[in-house]
């Protein structure tokens, strides 16, 4: 069973550093990968925030009613 998850920047950085033979070679490539992953994560977090705002204010009928 597959679970949809956001890209984990820490796992990608650790895997990149571990793949190369020398630490300097791995660290040189981490910056490029992290820059792409960072903006991808920001975009996904922004989309989720917009979805929450829309459900809270534009489509309040989508909320589950609160009954104490």
Foldseek 3Di string as FASTA:
>chain_A
DDDDDQDDLVVVLVVQCVVDDDNVVSVVCSVVVSVVSVVSVVVVVVVVVVVVVCCVPVNVVVDDDDDD
